[in-house]
């Protein structure tokens, strides 16, 4: 069960990194009064789900013997 927790956490970490990079790449920036403003067009839900999977995997690995 501990191994399953580690596998789930690694999967969650990989998904979090991938969705984070995708989220950052889906942003546009423009300048207003000399300031650069970045507006993201990406969806943050996959990042949140990946983070939850990572946390659940870590909890499974920590709780089981």
N, C-alpha and C. Protein backbone atom coordinates (compact mmCIF):
# COMPACT_ATOMS: atom_id res chain seq x y z
N UNK A 1 0.82 -1.18 0.00
CA UNK A 1 0.00 0.00 0.00
C UNK A 1 0.87 1.25 0.00
N UNK A 2 2.01 1.15 0.70
CA UNK A 2 2.92 2.29 0.73
C UNK A 2 3.48 2.57 -0.66
N UNK A 3 3.79 1.51 -1.40
CA UNK A 3 4.30 1.67 -2.77
C UNK A 3 3.24 2.33 -3.65
N UNK A 4 1.99 1.94 -3.47
CA UNK A 4 0.90 2.55 -4.24
C UNK A 4 0.80 4.04 -3.93
N UNK A 5 0.98 4.41 -2.68
CA UNK A 5 0.97 5.83 -2.30
C UNK A 5 2.07 6.61 -2.99
N UNK A 6 3.26 6.02 -3.05
CA UNK A 6 4.37 6.70 -3.73
C UNK A 6 4.12 6.81 -5.24
N UNK A 7 3.54 5.77 -5.83
CA UNK A 7 3.25 5.81 -7.27
C UNK A 7 2.21 6.89 -7.56
N UNK A 8 1.18 6.98 -6.72
CA UNK A 8 0.15 8.01 -6.90
C UNK A 8 0.76 9.39 -6.74
N UNK A 9 1.63 9.58 -5.73
CA UNK A 9 2.23 10.90 -5.54
C UNK A 9 3.14 11.29 -6.68
N UNK A 10 3.89 10.36 -7.23
CA UNK A 10 4.75 10.68 -8.37
C UNK A 10 3.89 11.05 -9.58
N UNK A 11 2.81 10.32 -9.79
CA UNK A 11 1.89 10.66 -10.87
C UNK A 11 1.28 12.04 -10.68
N UNK A 12 0.90 12.36 -9.45
CA UNK A 12 0.36 13.69 -9.16
C UNK A 12 1.38 14.78 -9.37
N UNK A 13 2.64 14.51 -9.01
CA UNK A 13 3.70 15.50 -9.20
C UNK A 13 3.97 15.75 -10.68
N UNK A 14 4.03 14.67 -11.45
CA UNK A 14 4.25 14.82 -12.89
C UNK A 14 3.09 15.59 -13.53
N UNK A 15 1.87 15.25 -13.14
CA UNK A 15 0.70 15.96 -13.68
C UNK A 15 0.70 17.42 -13.26
N UNK A 16 1.12 17.70 -12.02
CA UNK A 16 1.17 19.09 -11.55
C UNK A 16 2.19 19.90 -12.33
N UNK A 17 3.34 19.33 -12.59
CA UNK A 17 4.37 20.02 -13.38
C UNK A 17 3.87 20.27 -14.80
N UNK A 18 3.29 19.24 -15.41
CA UNK A 18 2.81 19.37 -16.79
C UNK A 18 1.69 20.41 -16.90
N UNK A 19 0.71 20.33 -16.00
CA UNK A 19 -0.40 21.29 -16.07
C UNK A 19 0.05 22.69 -15.70
N UNK A 20 1.05 22.81 -14.83
CA UNK A 20 1.58 24.13 -14.50
C UNK A 20 2.26 24.78 -15.69
N UNK A 21 3.05 24.01 -16.42
CA UNK A 21 3.71 24.53 -17.61
C UNK A 21 2.68 24.91 -18.67
N UNK A 22 1.67 24.07 -18.85
CA UNK A 22 0.61 24.36 -19.81
C UNK A 22 -0.15 25.62 -19.41
N UNK A 23 -0.41 25.79 -18.12
CA UNK A 23 -1.13 26.95 -17.61
C UNK A 23 -0.34 28.23 -17.86
N UNK A 24 0.96 28.17 -17.64
CA UNK A 24 1.81 29.35 -17.85
C UNK A 24 1.91 29.69 -19.33
N UNK A 25 1.97 28.68 -20.18
CA UNK A 25 2.08 28.93 -21.63
C UNK A 25 0.79 29.48 -22.22
N UNK A 26 -0.34 29.32 -21.54
CA UNK A 26 -1.61 29.83 -22.04
C UNK A 26 -1.91 31.23 -21.50
N UNK A 27 -0.90 32.02 -21.27
CA UNK A 27 -1.12 33.38 -20.77
C UNK A 27 -0.67 34.40 -21.81
N UNK A 28 -1.31 35.54 -21.76
CA UNK A 28 -0.95 36.64 -22.64
C UNK A 28 -0.53 37.81 -21.77
N UNK A 29 0.41 38.59 -22.27
CA UNK A 29 0.82 39.77 -21.53
C UNK A 29 0.70 41.00 -22.43
N UNK A 30 0.39 42.10 -21.81
CA UNK A 30 0.30 43.36 -22.53
C UNK A 30 0.77 44.48 -21.60
N UNK A 31 1.12 45.59 -22.19
CA UNK A 31 1.65 46.71 -21.42
C UNK A 31 0.62 47.81 -21.27
N UNK A 32 0.50 48.32 -20.04
CA UNK A 32 -0.38 49.44 -19.74
C UNK A 32 0.41 50.40 -18.87
N UNK A 33 0.56 51.62 -19.36
CA UNK A 33 1.29 52.66 -18.63
C UNK A 33 2.68 52.21 -18.21
N UNK A 34 3.34 51.45 -19.05
CA UNK A 34 4.70 51.00 -18.79
C UNK A 34 4.78 49.74 -17.93
N UNK A 35 3.65 49.19 -17.54
CA UNK A 35 3.63 47.96 -16.74
C UNK A 35 3.23 46.79 -17.62
N UNK A 36 3.88 45.66 -17.43
CA UNK A 36 3.49 44.44 -18.15
C UNK A 36 2.49 43.67 -17.30
N UNK A 37 1.33 43.43 -17.87
CA UNK A 37 0.27 42.72 -17.17
C UNK A 37 0.05 41.39 -17.88
N UNK A 38 0.07 40.31 -17.11
CA UNK A 38 -0.13 38.97 -17.68
C UNK A 38 -1.53 38.48 -17.32
N UNK A 39 -2.23 38.02 -18.34
CA UNK A 39 -3.57 37.49 -18.15
C UNK A 39 -3.55 36.03 -18.58
N UNK A 40 -3.96 35.15 -17.70
CA UNK A 40 -3.95 33.73 -18.02
C UNK A 40 -5.28 33.32 -18.64
N UNK A 41 -5.18 32.56 -19.72
CA UNK A 41 -6.37 32.02 -20.36
C UNK A 41 -6.52 30.54 -20.05
N UNK A 42 -5.62 30.01 -19.26
CA UNK A 42 -5.66 28.59 -18.93
C UNK A 42 -6.67 28.28 -17.84
N UNK A 43 -6.97 27.02 -17.69
CA UNK A 43 -7.92 26.55 -16.69
C UNK A 43 -7.14 26.00 -15.48
N UNK A 44 -7.35 26.55 -14.28
CA UNK A 44 -6.59 26.10 -13.12
C UNK A 44 -7.10 24.79 -12.51
N UNK A 45 -8.23 24.27 -12.96
CA UNK A 45 -8.82 23.07 -12.36
C UNK A 45 -7.90 21.85 -12.48
N UNK A 46 -7.26 21.58 -13.64
CA UNK A 46 -6.36 20.42 -13.69
C UNK A 46 -5.18 20.53 -12.71
N UNK A 47 -4.69 21.75 -12.48
CA UNK A 47 -3.60 21.92 -11.51
C UNK A 47 -4.09 21.59 -10.10
N UNK A 48 -5.28 22.02 -9.77
CA UNK A 48 -5.83 21.76 -8.44
C UNK A 48 -6.06 20.26 -8.25
N UNK A 49 -6.59 19.60 -9.26
CA UNK A 49 -6.81 18.15 -9.17
C UNK A 49 -5.49 17.41 -9.03
N UNK A 50 -4.46 17.83 -9.76
CA UNK A 50 -3.14 17.20 -9.66
C UNK A 50 -2.55 17.38 -8.27
N UNK A 51 -2.74 18.56 -7.69
CA UNK A 51 -2.25 18.81 -6.34
C UNK A 51 -2.98 17.93 -5.33
N UNK A 52 -4.27 17.77 -5.48
CA UNK A 52 -5.05 16.91 -4.58
C UNK A 52 -4.58 15.46 -4.70
N UNK A 53 -4.33 14.98 -5.92
CA UNK A 53 -3.83 13.61 -6.12
C UNK A 53 -2.46 13.44 -5.46
N UNK A 54 -1.59 14.44 -5.59
CA UNK A 54 -0.27 14.39 -4.96
C UNK A 54 -0.41 14.29 -3.45
N UNK A 55 -1.27 15.11 -2.86
CA UNK A 55 -1.45 15.10 -1.41
C UNK A 55 -2.05 13.77 -0.94
N UNK A 56 -3.02 13.25 -1.68
CA UNK A 56 -3.62 11.96 -1.31
C UNK A 56 -2.58 10.84 -1.38
N UNK A 57 -1.75 10.85 -2.40
CA UNK A 57 -0.70 9.85 -2.51
C UNK A 57 0.29 9.92 -1.35
N UNK A 58 0.66 11.14 -0.97
CA UNK A 58 1.57 11.29 0.17
C UNK A 58 0.91 10.83 1.47
N UNK A 59 -0.37 11.13 1.63
CA UNK A 59 -1.07 10.68 2.83
C UNK A 59 -1.16 9.16 2.89
N UNK A 60 -1.44 8.53 1.76
CA UNK A 60 -1.49 7.06 1.72
C UNK A 60 -0.13 6.47 2.08
N UNK A 61 0.93 7.06 1.57
CA UNK A 61 2.28 6.55 1.85
C UNK A 61 2.66 6.75 3.32
N UNK A 62 2.20 7.85 3.92
CA UNK A 62 2.55 8.12 5.31
C UNK A 62 1.71 7.31 6.30
N UNK A 63 0.44 7.10 5.98
CA UNK A 63 -0.46 6.46 6.94
C UNK A 63 -0.24 4.95 6.99
N UNK A 64 -0.01 4.33 5.83
CA UNK A 64 0.13 2.87 5.80
C UNK A 64 1.47 2.43 6.35
N UNK A 65 1.50 1.18 6.81
CA UNK A 65 2.74 0.65 7.39
C UNK A 65 3.53 -0.11 6.38
